[in-house]
């Protein structure tokens, strides 16, 4: 049997992750939790400390204890690499290459990258993690003629840093489309989701400043851990 303070911590953690307790809202005061669970204040403090250690809540002196916003934000209006974007939000990004193949492009990929059917492309599958949790499954296609030295080691790091710093190329823009999608078995298993779970599918084509397409990428985002930011202005 688990100690009471662990049971309370696990219950509160489920409520936070399920969205029952909303991000940036205040956790009930210790006295209220003490009464709700019929335990001592020491027990409640031990429970809350577990949540603090997991990064789920934060204490603010003189104000209270608040639920942290667990969702990473994807800014669709500013072209940032995954590592840069996640690091700016105070989270820890990491990548794992699942598949790395040199192959001929399909008709669709050739069209996206402005290639001929005889050109070589890389097909790279990566699992993108935030704080060691899998959040995005990425499938990228890149022209081999543009990046002849591309490797698994490079793709385990920052793709954009390799392109701009190592290759001396300038990334200019990316066109993106966002749509709902139901997971297939392979991607679901890598994201620790059940098959047919709803997620967001984001297709993007990246261009250099000379107009050449350098990547066509499809990202599958877990919904409960990611939010998208769009800013509209009235003309």
Foldseek 3Di string as FASTA:
>chain_A
DDDPLQVVLVVVVVCLLVCVAPAFDFDDDLVVVCVVSVHDSVSPVSSVVVCVVVVQWDADPPPHIGGHQQAQEDEQVDDDWPQVRLVVVVWHKWKAWPDWDKDFDDPVVCVLQVHDRPFIKIWIWMFMDINNAGFKIKTKIFGCVLPVPDDRVCVRDTPVCCVCPVVVFAWDDKDKDKDKDFADDVVCVSNVHDGGDIWIWMWMWTATPVGGTGMTMIMTGHPSRYDYDDDDDDD
